[in-house]
Amino acid sequence: MNKADLIRAVSRVLGTRSDSVRAIEATFESMRNSLRSGEKVVLSGFGSFRVKMRKARKGRNPKTGQEVPVPPRRAVRFKASKELLGQ
C-alpha cells in the first residue's frame, strides 16, 4: 500500500477525496513535527516511531574503495505493536 492507496481507503470512509487528502497530510505532518522535535510517536495497535542518533563511522566509496567519513545523523526507528503482528 502506498500513499495514494491509503487516501483511496480513507476516502471510502470519509466520503470525499479532498477530505481524505487533508486528513492524511495533517496526520503525517503532525508525526513529522513530533519526530523532528525528538518526541516519540505511539499509535496504539500499530506501533511506535522514534528518532535515534546514528554514530559517525567510516564508509567506503564503492567505485574507488577509498575510506570516507560518514557523519553522525538522525534516523527514524519503527517498532511494530504486538497487535499488528498478531501475537
PDB file of N, CA and C in Angstrom:
ATOM      1  N   MET A   1       0.855  -1.176   0.000  1.00  0.00           N
ATOM      2  CA  MET A   1       0.000   0.000   0.000  1.00  0.00           C
ATOM      3  C   MET A   1       0.897   1.234   0.000  1.00  0.00           C
ATOM      4  N   ASN A   2       0.576   2.168  -0.856  1.00  0.00           N
ATOM      5  CA  ASN A   2       1.291   3.436  -0.875  1.00  0.00           C
ATOM      6  C   ASN A   2       0.345   4.549  -0.431  1.00  0.00           C
ATOM      7  N   LYS A   3       0.826   5.786  -0.511  1.00  0.00           N
ATOM      8  CA  LYS A   3       0.031   6.917  -0.030  1.00  0.00           C
ATOM      9  C   LYS A   3      -1.277   7.068  -0.799  1.00  0.00           C
ATOM     10  N   ALA A   4      -1.250   6.879  -2.106  1.00  0.00           N
ATOM     11  CA  ALA A   4      -2.464   7.004  -2.920  1.00  0.00           C
ATOM     12  C   ALA A   4      -3.488   5.934  -2.532  1.00  0.00           C
ATOM     13  N   ASP A   5      -3.014   4.717  -2.273  1.00  0.00           N
ATOM     14  CA  ASP A   5      -3.921   3.642  -1.836  1.00  0.00           C
ATOM     15  C   ASP A   5      -4.540   3.976  -0.484  1.00  0.00           C
ATOM     16  N   LEU A   6      -3.740   4.530   0.395  1.00  0.00           N
ATOM     17  CA  LEU A   6      -4.231   4.917   1.715  1.00  0.00           C
ATOM     18  C   LEU A   6      -5.298   6.005   1.595  1.00  0.00           C
ATOM     19  N   ILE A   7      -5.070   6.970   0.732  1.00  0.00           N
ATOM     20  CA  ILE A   7      -6.052   8.045   0.512  1.00  0.00           C
ATOM     21  C   ILE A   7      -7.353   7.463  -0.030  1.00  0.00           C
ATOM     22  N   ARG A   8      -7.261   6.527  -0.973  1.00  0.00           N
ATOM     23  CA  ARG A   8      -8.472   5.887  -1.510  1.00  0.00           C
ATOM     24  C   ARG A   8      -9.233   5.140  -0.413  1.00  0.00           C
ATOM     25  N   ALA A   9      -8.509   4.422   0.447  1.00  0.00           N
ATOM     26  CA  ALA A   9      -9.160   3.663   1.518  1.00  0.00           C
ATOM     27  C   ALA A   9      -9.850   4.596   2.512  1.00  0.00           C
ATOM     28  N   VAL A  10      -9.199   5.702   2.853  1.00  0.00           N
ATOM     29  CA  VAL A  10      -9.787   6.649   3.794  1.00  0.00           C
ATOM     30  C   VAL A  10     -10.972   7.366   3.151  1.00  0.00           C
ATOM     31  N   SER A  11     -10.890   7.625   1.843  1.00  0.00           N
ATOM     32  CA  SER A  11     -11.995   8.331   1.179  1.00  0.00           C
ATOM     33  C   SER A  11     -13.263   7.480   1.135  1.00  0.00           C
ATOM     34  N   ARG A  12     -13.119   6.162   1.174  1.00  0.00           N
ATOM     35  CA  ARG A  12     -14.307   5.297   1.246  1.00  0.00           C
ATOM     36  C   ARG A  12     -15.055   5.510   2.560  1.00  0.00           C
ATOM     37  N   VAL A  13     -14.318   5.859   3.608  1.00  0.00           N
ATOM     38  CA  VAL A  13     -14.930   6.088   4.921  1.00  0.00           C
ATOM     39  C   VAL A  13     -15.418   7.533   5.049  1.00  0.00           C
ATOM     40  N   LEU A  14     -14.581   8.486   4.649  1.00  0.00           N
ATOM     41  CA  LEU A  14     -14.930   9.899   4.813  1.00  0.00           C
ATOM     42  C   LEU A  14     -15.853  10.425   3.723  1.00  0.00           C
ATOM     43  N   GLY A  15     -15.857   9.787   2.570  1.00  0.00           N
ATOM     44  CA  GLY A  15     -16.761  10.213   1.505  1.00  0.00           C
ATOM     45  C   GLY A  15     -16.106  10.987   0.392  1.00  0.00           C
ATOM     46  N   THR A  16     -15.231  11.943   0.692  1.00  0.00           N
ATOM     47  CA  THR A  16     -14.614  12.729  -0.382  1.00  0.00           C
ATOM     48  C   THR A  16     -13.106  12.572  -0.366  1.00  0.00           C
ATOM     49  N   ARG A  17     -12.539  12.644  -1.554  1.00  0.00           N
ATOM     50  CA  ARG A  17     -11.086  12.502  -1.688  1.00  0.00           C
ATOM     51  C   ARG A  17     -10.362  13.690  -1.055  1.00  0.00           C
ATOM     52  N   SER A  18     -10.905  14.881  -1.216  1.00  0.00           N
ATOM     53  CA  SER A  18     -10.228  16.069  -0.682  1.00  0.00           C
ATOM     54  C   SER A  18     -10.155  16.025   0.845  1.00  0.00           C
ATOM     55  N   ASP A  19     -11.224  15.557   1.497  1.00  0.00           N
ATOM     56  CA  ASP A  19     -11.185  15.406   2.954  1.00  0.00           C
ATOM     57  C   ASP A  19     -10.153  14.361   3.363  1.00  0.00           C
ATOM     58  N   SER A  20     -10.058  13.300   2.580  1.00  0.00           N
ATOM     59  CA  SER A  20      -9.093  12.233   2.871  1.00  0.00           C
ATOM     60  C   SER A  20      -7.666  12.728   2.737  1.00  0.00           C
ATOM     61  N   VAL A  21      -7.407  13.476   1.676  1.00  0.00           N
ATOM     62  CA  VAL A  21      -6.058  14.013   1.461  1.00  0.00           C
ATOM     63  C   VAL A  21      -5.678  14.925   2.625  1.00  0.00           C
ATOM     64  N   ARG A  22      -6.591  15.803   3.021  1.00  0.00           N
ATOM     65  CA  ARG A  22      -6.302  16.720   4.134  1.00  0.00           C
ATOM     66  C   ARG A  22      -6.060  15.942   5.427  1.00  0.00           C
ATOM     67  N   ALA A  23      -6.847  14.904   5.682  1.00  0.00           N
ATOM     68  CA  ALA A  23      -6.690  14.111   6.904  1.00  0.00           C
ATOM     69  C   ALA A  23      -5.343  13.385   6.918  1.00  0.00           C
ATOM     70  N   ILE A  24      -4.980  12.765   5.809  1.00  0.00           N
ATOM     71  CA  ILE A  24      -3.708  12.036   5.722  1.00  0.00           C
ATOM     72  C   ILE A  24      -2.537  13.002   5.849  1.00  0.00           C
ATOM     73  N   GLU A  25      -2.582  14.122   5.121  1.00  0.00           N
ATOM     74  CA  GLU A  25      -1.497  15.104   5.178  1.00  0.00           C
ATOM     75  C   GLU A  25      -1.342  15.677   6.584  1.00  0.00           C
ATOM     76  N   ALA A  26      -2.458  15.963   7.254  1.00  0.00           N
ATOM     77  CA  ALA A  26      -2.395  16.504   8.613  1.00  0.00           C
ATOM     78  C   ALA A  26      -1.792  15.489   9.571  1.00  0.00           C
ATOM     79  N   THR A  27      -2.141  14.228   9.396  1.00  0.00           N
ATOM     80  CA  THR A  27      -1.591  13.170  10.245  1.00  0.00           C
ATOM     81  C   THR A  27      -0.084  13.058  10.053  1.00  0.00           C
ATOM     82  N   PHE A  28       0.347  12.984   8.797  1.00  0.00           N
ATOM     83  CA  PHE A  28       1.777  12.855   8.512  1.00  0.00           C
ATOM     84  C   PHE A  28       2.557  14.078   8.971  1.00  0.00           C
ATOM     85  N   GLU A  29       2.013  15.259   8.760  1.00  0.00           N
ATOM     86  CA  GLU A  29       2.696  16.493   9.179  1.00  0.00           C
ATOM     87  C   GLU A  29       2.845  16.537  10.694  1.00  0.00           C
ATOM     88  N   SER A  30       1.824  16.133  11.411  1.00  0.00           N
ATOM     89  CA  SER A  30       1.884  16.100  12.863  1.00  0.00           C
ATOM     90  C   SER A  30       2.942  15.107  13.338  1.00  0.00           C
ATOM     91  N   MET A  31       2.996  13.944  12.698  1.00  0.00           N
ATOM     92  CA  MET A  31       4.010  12.944  13.054  1.00  0.00           C
ATOM     93  C   MET A  31       5.408  13.479  12.747  1.00  0.00           C
ATOM     94  N   ARG A  32       5.577  14.113  11.570  1.00  0.00           N
ATOM     95  CA  ARG A  32       6.872  14.695  11.198  1.00  0.00           C
ATOM     96  C   ARG A  32       7.350  15.713  12.222  1.00  0.00           C
ATOM     97  N   ASN A  33       6.448  16.617  12.620  1.00  0.00           N
ATOM     98  CA  ASN A  33       6.809  17.660  13.584  1.00  0.00           C
ATOM     99  C   ASN A  33       7.191  17.059  14.931  1.00  0.00           C
ATOM    100  N   SER A  34       6.469  16.060  15.384  1.00  0.00           N
ATOM    101  CA  SER A  34       6.785  15.417  16.658  1.00  0.00           C
ATOM    102  C   SER A  34       8.144  14.733  16.604  1.00  0.00           C
ATOM    103  N   LEU A  35       8.417  14.012  15.530  1.00  0.00           N
ATOM    104  CA  LEU A  35       9.706  13.321  15.413  1.00  0.00           C
ATOM    105  C   LEU A  35      10.855  14.315  15.290  1.00  0.00           C
ATOM    106  N   ARG A  36      10.655  15.408  14.567  1.00  0.00           N
ATOM    107  CA  ARG A  36      11.709  16.421  14.436  1.00  0.00           C
ATOM    108  C   ARG A  36      12.048  17.063  15.769  1.00  0.00           C
ATOM    109  N   SER A  37      11.035  17.182  16.653  1.00  0.00           N
ATOM    110  CA  SER A  37      11.297  17.787  17.959  1.00  0.00           C
ATOM    111  C   SER A  37      11.775  16.757  18.980  1.00  0.00           C
ATOM    112  N   GLY A  38      11.976  15.513  18.546  1.00  0.00           N
ATOM    113  CA  GLY A  38      12.534  14.497  19.427  1.00  0.00           C
ATOM    114  C   GLY A  38      11.508  13.690  20.201  1.00  0.00           C
ATOM    115  N   GLU A  39      10.238  13.915  19.939  1.00  0.00           N
ATOM    116  CA  GLU A  39       9.192  13.165  20.638  1.00  0.00           C
ATOM    117  C   GLU A  39       9.011  11.792  20.005  1.00  0.00           C
ATOM    118  N   LYS A  40       8.501  10.866  20.792  1.00  0.00           N
ATOM    119  CA  LYS A  40       8.163   9.541  20.319  1.00  0.00           C
ATOM    120  C   LYS A  40       6.702   9.560  19.866  1.00  0.00           C
ATOM    121  N   VAL A  41       6.394   8.926  18.737  1.00  0.00           N
ATOM    122  CA  VAL A  41       5.028   8.845  18.234  1.00  0.00           C
ATOM    123  C   VAL A  41       4.537   7.419  18.445  1.00  0.00           C
ATOM    124  N   VAL A  42       3.473   7.258  19.226  1.00  0.00           N
ATOM    125  CA  VAL A  42       2.926   5.940  19.528  1.00  0.00           C
ATOM    126  C   VAL A  42       1.504   5.864  18.988  1.00  0.00           C
ATOM    127  N   LEU A  43       1.245   4.887  18.141  1.00  0.00           N
ATOM    128  CA  LEU A  43      -0.084   4.631  17.592  1.00  0.00           C
ATOM    129  C   LEU A  43      -0.527   3.274  18.134  1.00  0.00           C
ATOM    130  N   SER A  44      -1.391   3.288  19.118  1.00  0.00           N
ATOM    131  CA  SER A  44      -1.825   2.056  19.770  1.00  0.00           C
ATOM    132  C   SER A  44      -2.379   1.067  18.760  1.00  0.00           C
ATOM    133  N   GLY A  45      -1.969  -0.166  18.871  1.00  0.00           N
ATOM    134  CA  GLY A  45      -2.414  -1.210  17.965  1.00  0.00           C
ATOM    135  C   GLY A  45      -1.653  -1.241  16.654  1.00  0.00           C
ATOM    136  N   PHE A  46      -0.770  -0.282  16.430  1.00  0.00           N
ATOM    137  CA  PHE A  46       0.008  -0.227  15.193  1.00  0.00           C
ATOM    138  C   PHE A  46       1.500  -0.316  15.490  1.00  0.00           C
ATOM    139  N   GLY A  47       2.021   0.641  16.270  1.00  0.00           N
ATOM    140  CA  GLY A  47       3.437   0.633  16.597  1.00  0.00           C
ATOM    141  C   GLY A  47       3.901   1.993  17.057  1.00  0.00           C
ATOM    142  N   SER A  48       5.214   2.129  17.201  1.00  0.00           N
ATOM    143  CA  SER A  48       5.775   3.398  17.648  1.00  0.00           C
ATOM    144  C   SER A  48       6.965   3.790  16.769  1.00  0.00           C
ATOM    145  N   PHE A  49       7.132   5.095  16.623  1.00  0.00           N
ATOM    146  CA  PHE A  49       8.225   5.674  15.862  1.00  0.00           C
ATOM    147  C   PHE A  49       9.056   6.507  16.826  1.00  0.00           C
ATOM    148  N   ARG A  50      10.382   6.448  16.676  1.00  0.00           N
ATOM    149  CA  ARG A  50      11.246   7.306  17.478  1.00  0.00           C
ATOM    150  C   ARG A  50      12.490   7.646  16.674  1.00  0.00           C
ATOM    151  N   VAL A  51      13.136   8.733  17.060  1.00  0.00           N
ATOM    152  CA  VAL A  51      14.347   9.161  16.381  1.00  0.00           C
ATOM    153  C   VAL A  51      15.545   8.694  17.187  1.00  0.00           C
ATOM    154  N   LYS A  52      16.506   8.106  16.500  1.00  0.00           N
ATOM    155  CA  LYS A  52      17.720   7.618  17.149  1.00  0.00           C
ATOM    156  C   LYS A  52      18.915   8.188  16.393  1.00  0.00           C
ATOM    157  N   MET A  53      19.928   8.569  17.130  1.00  0.00           N
ATOM    158  CA  MET A  53      21.153   9.082  16.504  1.00  0.00           C
ATOM    159  C   MET A  53      22.039   7.922  16.064  1.00  0.00           C
ATOM    160  N   ARG A  54      22.494   7.990  14.838  1.00  0.00           N
ATOM    161  CA  ARG A  54      23.480   7.031  14.353  1.00  0.00           C
ATOM    162  C   ARG A  54      24.853   7.624  14.586  1.00  0.00           C
ATOM    163  N   LYS A  55      25.784   6.798  14.998  1.00  0.00           N
ATOM    164  CA  LYS A  55      27.143   7.262  15.267  1.00  0.00           C
ATOM    165  C   LYS A  55      27.887   7.542  13.967  1.00  0.00           C
ATOM    166  N   ALA A  56      28.906   8.380  14.077  1.00  0.00           N
ATOM    167  CA  ALA A  56      29.796   8.608  12.940  1.00  0.00           C
ATOM    168  C   ALA A  56      30.563   7.309  12.700  1.00  0.00           C
ATOM    169  N   ARG A  57      30.877   7.059  11.445  1.00  0.00           N
ATOM    170  CA  ARG A  57      31.591   5.825  11.119  1.00  0.00           C
ATOM    171  C   ARG A  57      32.405   6.027   9.854  1.00  0.00           C
ATOM    172  N   LYS A  58      33.205   5.042   9.535  1.00  0.00           N
ATOM    173  CA  LYS A  58      33.978   5.085   8.304  1.00  0.00           C
ATOM    174  C   LYS A  58      33.247   4.243   7.264  1.00  0.00           C
ATOM    175  N   GLY A  59      33.010   4.845   6.108  1.00  0.00           N
ATOM    176  CA  GLY A  59      32.395   4.136   5.000  1.00  0.00           C
ATOM    177  C   GLY A  59      33.418   3.922   3.909  1.00  0.00           C
ATOM    178  N   ARG A  60      32.973   3.377   2.801  1.00  0.00           N
ATOM    179  CA  ARG A  60      33.889   3.130   1.700  1.00  0.00           C
ATOM    180  C   ARG A  60      33.215   3.537   0.394  1.00  0.00           C
ATOM    181  N   ASN A  61      33.958   4.255  -0.439  1.00  0.00           N
ATOM    182  CA  ASN A  61      33.474   4.622  -1.761  1.00  0.00           C
ATOM    183  C   ASN A  61      33.477   3.350  -2.617  1.00  0.00           C
ATOM    184  N   PRO A  62      32.309   2.910  -3.111  1.00  0.00           N
ATOM    185  CA  PRO A  62      32.273   1.647  -3.851  1.00  0.00           C
ATOM    186  C   PRO A  62      33.052   1.672  -5.176  1.00  0.00           C
ATOM    187  N   LYS A  63      33.210   2.852  -5.768  1.00  0.00           N
ATOM    188  CA  LYS A  63      33.955   2.939  -7.028  1.00  0.00           C
ATOM    189  C   LYS A  63      35.452   2.815  -6.813  1.00  0.00           C
ATOM    190  N   THR A  64      35.964   3.567  -5.837  1.00  0.00           N
ATOM    191  CA  THR A  64      37.413   3.635  -5.656  1.00  0.00           C
ATOM    192  C   THR A  64      37.913   2.766  -4.516  1.00  0.00           C
ATOM    193  N   GLY A  65      37.023   2.394  -3.599  1.00  0.00           N
ATOM    194  CA  GLY A  65      37.451   1.612  -2.436  1.00  0.00           C
ATOM    195  C   GLY A  65      38.064   2.478  -1.357  1.00  0.00           C
ATOM    196  N   GLN A  66      38.113   3.783  -1.566  1.00  0.00           N
ATOM    197  CA  GLN A  66      38.719   4.701  -0.611  1.00  0.00           C
ATOM    198  C   GLN A  66      37.793   4.890   0.592  1.00  0.00           C
ATOM    199  N   GLU A  67      38.388   4.932   1.795  1.00  0.00           N
ATOM    200  CA  GLU A  67      37.599   5.178   3.015  1.00  0.00           C
ATOM    201  C   GLU A  67      37.143   6.627   3.053  1.00  0.00           C
ATOM    202  N   VAL A  68      35.881   6.819   3.452  1.00  0.00           N
ATOM    203  CA  VAL A  68      35.329   8.165   3.599  1.00  0.00           C
ATOM    204  C   VAL A  68      34.602   8.249   4.928  1.00  0.00           C
ATOM    205  N   PRO A  69      34.706   9.383   5.615  1.00  0.00           N
ATOM    206  CA  PRO A  69      33.988   9.522   6.887  1.00  0.00           C
ATOM    207  C   PRO A  69      32.490   9.729   6.645  1.00  0.00           C
ATOM    208  N   VAL A  70      31.665   9.023   7.410  1.00  0.00           N
ATOM    209  CA  VAL A  70      30.216   9.197   7.348  1.00  0.00           C
ATOM    210  C   VAL A  70      29.823   9.914   8.635  1.00  0.00           C
ATOM    211  N   PRO A  71      29.250  11.108   8.539  1.00  0.00           N
ATOM    212  CA  PRO A  71      28.946  11.890   9.742  1.00  0.00           C
ATOM    213  C   PRO A  71      27.784  11.279  10.536  1.00  0.00           C
ATOM    214  N   PRO A  72      27.664  11.640  11.817  1.00  0.00           N
ATOM    215  CA  PRO A  72      26.509  11.159  12.592  1.00  0.00           C
ATOM    216  C   PRO A  72      25.226  11.758  12.018  1.00  0.00           C
ATOM    217  N   ARG A  73      24.119  11.017  12.156  1.00  0.00           N
ATOM    218  CA  ARG A  73      22.858  11.538  11.649  1.00  0.00           C
ATOM    219  C   ARG A  73      21.698  10.930  12.424  1.00  0.00           C
ATOM    220  N   ARG A  74      20.545  11.546  12.250  1.00  0.00           N
ATOM    221  CA  ARG A  74      19.337  11.058  12.911  1.00  0.00           C
ATOM    222  C   ARG A  74      18.622  10.090  11.985  1.00  0.00           C
ATOM    223  N   ALA A  75      18.039   9.022  12.558  1.00  0.00           N
ATOM    224  CA  ALA A  75      17.289   8.046  11.775  1.00  0.00           C
ATOM    225  C   ALA A  75      16.017   7.689  12.532  1.00  0.00           C
ATOM    226  N   VAL A  76      14.948   7.425  11.811  1.00  0.00           N
ATOM    227  CA  VAL A  76      13.679   7.053  12.432  1.00  0.00           C
ATOM    228  C   VAL A  76      13.627   5.536  12.575  1.00  0.00           C
ATOM    229  N   ARG A  77      13.240   5.092  13.746  1.00  0.00           N
ATOM    230  CA  ARG A  77      13.075   3.664  14.033  1.00  0.00           C
ATOM    231  C   ARG A  77      11.597   3.384  14.256  1.00  0.00           C
ATOM    232  N   PHE A  78      11.130   2.254  13.740  1.00  0.00           N
ATOM    233  CA  PHE A  78       9.741   1.833  13.928  1.00  0.00           C
ATOM    234  C   PHE A  78       9.733   0.495  14.641  1.00  0.00           C
ATOM    235  N   LYS A  79       8.878   0.399  15.641  1.00  0.00           N
ATOM    236  CA  LYS A  79       8.702  -0.870  16.339  1.00  0.00           C
ATOM    237  C   LYS A  79       7.216  -1.213  16.266  1.00  0.00           C
ATOM    238  N   ALA A  80       6.897  -2.350  15.646  1.00  0.00           N
ATOM    239  CA  ALA A  80       5.522  -2.768  15.465  1.00  0.00           C
ATOM    240  C   ALA A  80       4.937  -3.234  16.797  1.00  0.00           C
ATOM    241  N   SER A  81       3.642  -2.978  16.991  1.00  0.00           N
ATOM    242  CA  SER A  81       2.976  -3.446  18.204  1.00  0.00           C
ATOM    243  C   SER A  81       2.663  -4.937  18.075  1.00  0.00           C
ATOM    244  N   LYS A  82       2.417  -5.569  19.190  1.00  0.00           N
ATOM    245  CA  LYS A  82       2.086  -6.992  19.164  1.00  0.00           C
ATOM    246  C   LYS A  82       0.770  -7.233  18.427  1.00  0.00           C
ATOM    247  N   GLU A  83      -0.181  -6.288  18.541  1.00  0.00           N
ATOM    248  CA  GLU A  83      -1.453  -6.445  17.851  1.00  0.00           C
ATOM    249  C   GLU A  83      -1.280  -6.426  16.337  1.00  0.00           C
ATOM    250  N   LEU A  84      -0.371  -5.597  15.843  1.00  0.00           N
ATOM    251  CA  LEU A  84      -0.121  -5.517  14.410  1.00  0.00           C
ATOM    252  C   LEU A  84       0.450  -6.822  13.887  1.00  0.00           C
ATOM    253  N   LEU A  85       1.324  -7.420  14.676  1.00  0.00           N
ATOM    254  CA  LEU A  85       1.974  -8.662  14.277  1.00  0.00           C
ATOM    255  C   LEU A  85       1.114  -9.894  14.557  1.00  0.00           C
ATOM    256  N   GLY A  86       0.015  -9.699  15.266  1.00  0.00           N
ATOM    257  CA  GLY A  86      -0.872 -10.815  15.552  1.00  0.00           C
ATOM    258  C   GLY A  86      -0.353 -11.753  16.616  1.00  0.00           C
ATOM    259  N   GLN A  87       0.422 -11.243  17.549  1.00  0.00           N
ATOM    260  CA  GLN A  87       0.997 -12.099  18.599  1.00  0.00           C
ATOM    261  C   GLN A  87       0.229 -11.960  19.879  1.00  0.00           C
TER     262      GLN A  87
END
